[in-house]
């Protein structure tokens, strides 16, 4: 089966890189995940009508009401060909459920299809997945599901109270973040909240610290960097590693620009920073980019002459097609055509 590309459950490296790029972003992206409008991606579904109408009935009620509900053997279209997350069926030696982030991923895997199926149907699918557990873990997992659903509704209400504008001042962002963290522990026990949200909340705290350091005019640049490096040590290892790699490639872009006229110095720098194998790949990519740039410049010059020739539209398009065939491979022509469209 294919892996779950949309939710990235089976590609932790991609998750780390995405988070790292987010952490390095400016402006609104500097806000903690919990303090942004509508929370994080896993919480967006709380705004669905199924959750909004749940004011008459807490969504946790559906966990008990779906006992007899049967669902199609065919998954929702968005989940077709994907693999259900694993690693969540953990118990201790007494048969009690051990809450993990993987269990939350299981819930969100199915809840991501909200809209394609009703909330009742998706809860029934989650019940079916949880049926592999023995008691008491099965009952505990169902109870956790109910509490998680009620938390998502409460989060939707909280976000509605804040509105779509979002927070801007550090104190407001921190207050909003702390309210969301507290909300999780209101609906779930401490162990479950920690298992479900620990990494996310650690990133939240780092974002607040980063924002605070950026606005502290009393710090020198070196002091700011040292304080940020210290705060970064609390981040999850995959995030720290991804941030390190991202910074490394950022430095590479700077080095490449500074040593543009000294290829030997740049080659030595690449080997020192990335090692021989990675340095060779980077050098190959650089060579490919230079070759592309050379061909693109020649193509663009002839394209401008063609467009200035006054040809009718059919003849002009035919001429452009021939030019792309002259300078680019079949796969590159798609890129060239896309670039032409934004000129």
Protein backbone atom coordinates (compact mmCIF):
# COMPACT_ATOMS: atom_id res chain seq x y z
CA UNK A 1 0.00 0.00 0.00
CA UNK A 2 1.02 3.59 -0.48
CA UNK A 3 2.07 5.58 2.54
CA UNK A 4 -0.04 8.42 3.90
CA UNK A 5 1.56 11.29 2.02
CA UNK A 6 -1.04 13.86 2.97
CA UNK A 7 -0.73 13.34 6.70
CA UNK A 8 2.96 12.35 6.57
CA UNK A 9 2.60 9.71 9.23
CA UNK A 10 5.33 7.55 7.73
CA UNK A 11 7.80 10.18 6.66
CA UNK A 12 9.25 11.75 9.85
CA UNK A 13 12.12 13.32 7.93
CA UNK A 14 9.69 15.37 5.85
CA UNK A 15 7.83 16.33 9.02
CA UNK A 16 11.07 17.55 10.60
CA UNK A 17 12.05 19.60 7.57
CA UNK A 18 8.62 21.19 7.30
CA UNK A 19 8.62 22.11 10.96
CA UNK A 20 12.12 23.49 10.70
CA UNK A 21 11.20 25.70 7.74
CA UNK A 22 8.17 26.88 9.67
CA UNK A 23 10.34 27.67 12.69
CA UNK A 24 12.63 29.77 10.52
CA UNK A 25 9.78 31.75 8.95
CA UNK A 26 8.98 35.35 9.82
CA UNK A 27 5.85 37.35 10.53
CA UNK A 28 2.72 35.46 11.45
CA UNK A 29 4.55 32.17 11.06
CA UNK A 30 6.59 33.10 14.12
CA UNK A 31 3.56 32.64 16.31
CA UNK A 32 3.35 29.47 18.40
CA UNK A 33 1.30 26.77 16.73
CA UNK A 34 -1.24 26.76 19.54
CA UNK A 35 -1.69 30.52 19.39
CA UNK A 36 -2.41 30.82 15.69
CA UNK A 37 -5.96 31.21 14.40
CA UNK A 38 -7.67 27.81 14.29
CA UNK A 39 -4.82 26.06 16.11
CA UNK A 40 -2.70 23.57 14.18
CA UNK A 41 -3.55 21.49 11.14
CA UNK A 42 -4.85 18.66 13.27
CA UNK A 43 -7.37 21.00 14.91
CA UNK A 44 -8.77 22.70 11.82
CA UNK A 45 -11.49 20.09 11.48
CA UNK A 46 -13.09 21.33 14.70
CA UNK A 47 -14.76 24.03 12.62
CA UNK A 48 -16.70 21.47 10.60
CA UNK A 49 -20.47 21.60 10.92
CA UNK A 50 -20.47 18.21 12.60
CA UNK A 51 -18.56 19.71 15.52
CA UNK A 52 -20.46 22.99 15.53
CA UNK A 53 -23.83 21.28 15.80
CA UNK A 54 -22.48 19.14 18.63
CA UNK A 55 -23.46 21.84 21.12
CA UNK A 56 -26.75 20.03 21.47
CA UNK A 57 -24.84 16.80 22.10
CA UNK A 58 -21.17 16.48 23.05
CA UNK A 59 -19.33 14.58 20.29
CA UNK A 60 -18.10 12.12 22.92
CA UNK A 61 -21.68 10.78 22.99
CA UNK A 62 -21.08 9.42 19.50
CA UNK A 63 -18.52 6.97 20.84
CA UNK A 64 -21.26 5.04 22.61
CA UNK A 65 -23.91 5.60 19.97
CA UNK A 66 -21.83 4.15 17.14
CA UNK A 67 -21.60 0.67 18.68
CA UNK A 68 -24.19 -0.71 16.26
CA UNK A 69 -23.32 1.56 13.33
CA UNK A 70 -21.83 -0.23 10.34
CA UNK A 71 -19.62 1.50 7.80
CA UNK A 72 -18.61 0.72 4.25
CA UNK A 73 -15.67 -1.55 3.70
CA UNK A 74 -14.40 1.09 1.27
CA UNK A 75 -12.53 3.92 3.01
CA UNK A 76 -13.26 7.58 2.27
CA UNK A 77 -11.76 8.66 -1.06
CA UNK A 78 -9.01 10.72 0.56
CA UNK A 79 -7.82 7.68 2.54
CA UNK A 80 -7.98 5.20 -0.35
CA UNK A 81 -4.61 3.55 -0.94
CA UNK A 82 -3.14 4.86 2.32
CA UNK A 83 -2.05 2.93 5.39
CA UNK A 84 -3.57 3.37 8.81
CA UNK A 85 -0.97 4.68 11.31
CA UNK A 86 0.62 2.05 13.50
CA UNK A 87 2.41 1.94 16.82
CA UNK A 88 -0.56 3.17 18.85
CA UNK A 89 -1.75 -0.12 20.41
CA UNK A 90 0.47 0.01 23.49
CA UNK A 91 -0.43 -1.31 26.91
CA UNK A 92 1.37 -1.78 30.20
CA UNK A 93 1.83 -5.14 31.95
CA UNK A 94 -1.60 -4.80 33.55
CA UNK A 95 -3.33 -4.32 30.20
CA UNK A 96 -3.90 -0.59 30.65
CA UNK A 97 -3.64 1.71 27.67
CA UNK A 98 -0.40 3.64 27.29
CA UNK A 99 -1.31 6.93 25.54
CA UNK A 100 1.05 7.94 22.72
CA UNK A 101 1.26 10.49 19.98
CA UNK A 102 0.61 7.62 17.59
CA UNK A 103 -2.87 7.20 19.09
CA UNK A 104 -3.67 10.83 18.32
CA UNK A 105 -2.40 10.25 14.79
CA UNK A 106 -4.84 7.33 14.47
CA UNK A 107 -7.72 9.59 15.51
CA UNK A 108 -6.67 12.35 13.12
CA UNK A 109 -6.10 9.90 10.29
CA UNK A 110 -9.82 9.14 10.22
CA UNK A 111 -11.05 12.58 11.31
CA UNK A 112 -9.19 14.11 8.36
CA UNK A 113 -11.94 12.64 6.15
CA UNK A 114 -14.64 14.66 7.93
CA UNK A 115 -16.92 16.01 5.23
CA UNK A 116 -16.54 12.94 3.07
CA UNK A 117 -18.26 10.98 5.83
CA UNK A 118 -20.17 12.11 8.89
CA UNK A 119 -18.52 12.35 12.26
CA UNK A 120 -20.59 9.36 13.41
CA UNK A 121 -19.26 7.24 10.56
CA UNK A 122 -15.67 8.21 11.24
CA UNK A 123 -16.04 7.54 14.96
CA UNK A 124 -17.37 4.11 14.01
CA UNK A 125 -14.26 3.53 11.90
CA UNK A 126 -12.04 4.51 14.83
CA UNK A 127 -14.02 2.17 17.11
CA UNK A 128 -13.35 -0.63 14.64
CA UNK A 129 -9.62 0.13 14.64
CA UNK A 130 -9.54 0.20 18.47
CA UNK A 131 -11.32 -3.17 18.65
CA UNK A 132 -7.94 -4.94 18.34
CA UNK A 133 -7.24 -3.92 21.94
CA UNK A 134 -8.19 -6.12 24.87
CA UNK A 135 -9.91 -4.76 27.97
CA UNK A 136 -9.27 -2.61 29.91
CA UNK A 137 -7.20 -0.85 27.21
CA UNK A 138 -10.07 -0.88 24.70
CA UNK A 139 -12.45 0.95 27.01
CA UNK A 140 -9.72 3.40 27.99
CA UNK A 141 -8.95 4.12 24.33
CA UNK A 142 -12.63 4.76 23.61
CA UNK A 143 -12.82 7.08 26.61
CA UNK A 144 -9.74 8.90 25.32
CA UNK A 145 -11.37 9.25 21.91
CA UNK A 146 -14.46 10.80 23.47
CA UNK A 147 -12.43 13.24 25.51
CA UNK A 148 -10.37 14.16 22.46
CA UNK A 149 -13.50 14.88 20.42
CA UNK A 150 -14.90 17.08 23.20
CA UNK A 151 -11.56 18.90 23.42
CA UNK A 152 -11.71 19.65 19.70
CA UNK A 153 -15.18 21.14 20.08
CA UNK A 154 -14.00 23.24 23.05
CA UNK A 155 -11.01 24.37 21.02
CA UNK A 156 -13.36 25.41 18.21
CA UNK A 157 -15.35 27.51 20.68
CA UNK A 158 -12.18 29.11 22.02
CA UNK A 159 -10.92 29.98 18.55
CA UNK A 160 -14.32 31.43 17.67
CA UNK A 161 -14.09 33.65 20.75
CA UNK A 162 -10.69 34.93 19.62
CA UNK A 163 -11.82 35.48 16.06
CA UNK A 164 -9.78 35.12 12.90
CA UNK A 165 -7.46 38.08 13.46
CA UNK A 166 -5.16 36.16 15.73
CA UNK A 167 -2.84 37.47 18.42
CA UNK A 168 -0.08 40.00 17.75
CA UNK A 169 1.51 41.05 21.05
CA UNK A 170 3.75 38.60 22.89
CA UNK A 171 1.67 38.74 26.07
CA UNK A 172 -1.52 38.06 24.11
CA UNK A 173 0.09 35.21 22.20
CA UNK A 174 1.36 33.66 25.42
CA UNK A 175 -2.03 33.98 27.11
CA UNK A 176 -3.74 32.35 24.16
CA UNK A 177 -1.19 29.55 24.06
CA UNK A 178 -1.51 28.86 27.79
CA UNK A 179 -5.30 28.77 27.52
CA UNK A 180 -5.08 26.13 24.81
CA UNK A 181 -2.53 24.11 26.79
CA UNK A 182 -4.84 24.28 29.84
CA UNK A 183 -7.85 23.32 27.72
CA UNK A 184 -6.12 20.09 26.71
CA UNK A 185 -5.58 19.18 30.36
CA UNK A 186 -9.17 20.03 31.19
CA UNK A 187 -10.50 17.44 28.77
CA UNK A 188 -7.69 14.90 28.98
CA UNK A 189 -5.61 13.59 31.84
CA UNK A 190 -2.07 14.91 32.17
CA UNK A 191 -0.42 11.77 30.78
CA UNK A 192 -2.58 11.79 27.64
CA UNK A 193 -2.17 15.53 27.07
CA UNK A 194 1.59 15.15 27.41
CA UNK A 195 1.70 12.19 25.02
CA UNK A 196 -0.52 13.92 22.45
CA UNK A 197 0.93 17.43 22.54
CA UNK A 198 4.36 17.44 24.22
CA UNK A 199 6.40 18.14 21.08
CA UNK A 200 3.95 20.74 19.82
CA UNK A 201 3.96 22.56 23.15
CA UNK A 202 7.74 22.48 23.32
CA UNK A 203 7.82 24.17 19.92
CA UNK A 204 5.27 26.71 21.18
CA UNK A 205 7.53 27.64 24.08
CA UNK A 206 10.53 27.90 21.78
CA UNK A 207 8.59 30.20 19.45
CA UNK A 208 7.69 32.49 22.33
CA UNK A 209 11.31 32.58 23.48
CA UNK A 210 12.52 33.28 19.95
CA UNK A 211 10.01 36.11 19.60
CA UNK A 212 11.02 37.57 22.96
CA UNK A 213 14.73 37.43 22.13
CA UNK A 214 14.12 39.07 18.76
CA UNK A 215 12.49 42.05 20.48
CA UNK A 216 15.02 42.38 23.31
CA UNK A 217 17.04 45.43 22.34
CA UNK A 218 19.39 45.01 25.31
CA UNK A 219 21.02 41.91 23.77
CA UNK A 220 23.93 41.94 21.37
CA UNK A 221 23.65 39.75 18.28
CA UNK A 222 26.01 37.22 19.83
CA UNK A 223 24.05 37.13 23.10
CA UNK A 224 20.82 36.67 21.14
CA UNK A 225 22.29 33.78 19.15
CA UNK A 226 23.64 32.12 22.29
CA UNK A 227 20.29 32.44 24.08
CA UNK A 228 18.46 31.09 21.05
CA UNK A 229 20.85 28.14 20.80
CA UNK A 230 20.22 27.36 24.48
CA UNK A 231 16.45 27.52 23.99
CA UNK A 232 16.74 25.31 20.94
CA UNK A 233 18.19 22.48 23.03
CA UNK A 234 14.70 21.83 24.43
CA UNK A 235 13.26 21.14 20.97
CA UNK A 236 12.59 17.55 19.86
CA UNK A 237 15.65 15.96 18.26
CA UNK A 238 14.18 15.73 14.71
CA UNK A 239 13.34 19.44 14.82
CA UNK A 240 16.81 20.39 16.10
CA UNK A 241 18.42 18.31 13.38
CA UNK A 242 16.22 19.80 10.67
CA UNK A 243 16.93 23.35 11.86
CA UNK A 244 20.65 22.59 11.82
CA UNK A 245 20.48 21.27 8.25
CA UNK A 246 18.38 24.23 7.15
CA UNK A 247 20.90 26.69 8.57
CA UNK A 248 23.71 24.75 6.92
CA UNK A 249 22.15 25.13 3.49
CA UNK A 250 21.41 28.79 4.19
CA UNK A 251 25.11 29.29 4.88
CA UNK A 252 25.86 27.42 1.67
CA UNK A 253 23.84 29.90 -0.38
CA UNK A 254 25.82 32.72 1.21
CA UNK A 255 29.13 30.95 0.59
CA UNK A 256 28.22 30.20 -3.01
CA UNK A 257 27.49 33.87 -3.66
CA UNK A 258 30.70 35.00 -1.90
CA UNK A 259 32.92 32.46 -3.74
CA UNK A 260 31.24 32.67 -7.14
CA UNK A 261 34.57 33.56 -8.75
CA UNK A 262 36.65 31.02 -6.83
CA UNK A 263 35.31 27.50 -7.61
CA UNK A 264 38.21 25.76 -5.85
CA UNK A 265 37.56 27.61 -2.60
CA UNK A 266 33.84 26.82 -2.87
CA UNK A 267 34.63 23.15 -3.55
CA UNK A 268 36.82 22.99 -0.43
CA UNK A 269 34.13 24.73 1.63
CA UNK A 270 31.49 22.25 0.47
CA UNK A 271 33.64 19.27 1.42
CA UNK A 272 34.39 20.70 4.84
CA UNK A 273 30.73 21.48 5.60
CA UNK A 274 28.94 18.52 4.01
CA UNK A 275 31.50 15.74 3.48
CA UNK A 276 32.80 14.36 0.19
CA UNK A 277 29.67 12.55 -1.03
CA UNK A 278 27.21 15.39 -0.33
CA UNK A 279 29.69 17.95 -1.66
CA UNK A 280 29.89 16.09 -4.99
CA UNK A 281 26.11 16.02 -5.27
CA UNK A 282 25.89 19.74 -4.53
CA UNK A 283 28.58 20.45 -7.09
CA UNK A 284 26.61 18.43 -9.65
CA UNK A 285 23.43 20.35 -8.84
CA UNK A 286 25.30 23.64 -9.18
CA UNK A 287 26.61 22.57 -12.58
CA UNK A 288 23.11 21.59 -13.69
CA UNK A 289 21.73 24.94 -12.53
CA UNK A 290 24.46 26.85 -14.39
CA UNK A 291 23.76 24.85 -17.53
CA UNK A 292 20.05 25.56 -17.20
CA UNK A 293 20.70 29.28 -16.69
CA UNK A 294 22.92 29.39 -19.79
CA UNK A 295 20.32 27.65 -21.94
CA UNK A 296 17.48 29.72 -20.49
CA UNK A 297 19.25 32.98 -21.33
CA UNK A 298 19.75 31.86 -24.92
CA UNK A 299 16.17 30.68 -25.16
CA UNK A 300 14.81 33.91 -23.65
CA UNK A 301 16.77 36.00 -26.15
CA UNK A 302 15.34 34.08 -29.12
CA UNK A 303 11.87 34.07 -27.56
CA UNK A 304 11.92 37.87 -27.28
CA UNK A 305 12.91 38.15 -30.93
CA UNK A 306 10.11 35.78 -31.89
CA UNK A 307 7.53 37.75 -29.92
CA UNK A 308 8.70 40.98 -31.52
CA UNK A 309 8.36 39.53 -35.02
CA UNK A 310 4.65 40.28 -35.25
CA UNK A 311 3.62 36.70 -36.07
CA UNK A 312 0.03 35.63 -35.60
CA UNK A 313 -0.76 33.67 -32.44
CA UNK A 314 -0.69 30.16 -34.03
CA UNK A 315 2.66 30.78 -35.73
CA UNK A 316 4.09 32.34 -32.58
CA UNK A 317 3.07 29.35 -30.44
CA UNK A 318 4.51 26.96 -33.00
CA UNK A 319 7.77 28.91 -32.94
CA UNK A 320 7.89 28.79 -29.13
CA UNK A 321 7.37 25.04 -29.20
CA UNK A 322 10.30 24.62 -31.58
CA UNK A 323 12.48 26.85 -29.38
CA UNK A 324 11.71 24.78 -26.27
CA UNK A 325 12.53 21.59 -28.17
CA UNK A 326 15.81 23.16 -29.24
CA UNK A 327 17.01 24.13 -25.77
CA UNK A 328 15.31 21.80 -23.29
CA UNK A 329 14.64 18.14 -22.65
CA UNK A 330 11.06 16.89 -22.55
CA UNK A 331 10.76 17.26 -18.77
CA UNK A 332 12.46 20.67 -18.82
CA UNK A 333 9.99 21.98 -21.39
CA UNK A 334 7.23 21.81 -18.79
CA UNK A 335 9.30 24.00 -16.49
CA UNK A 336 10.13 26.40 -19.35
CA UNK A 337 6.48 26.70 -20.32
CA UNK A 338 5.51 27.37 -16.71
CA UNK A 339 8.16 30.10 -16.46
CA UNK A 340 6.95 31.61 -19.71
CA UNK A 341 3.44 31.83 -18.31
CA UNK A 342 4.56 34.12 -15.47
CA UNK A 343 6.79 36.38 -17.54
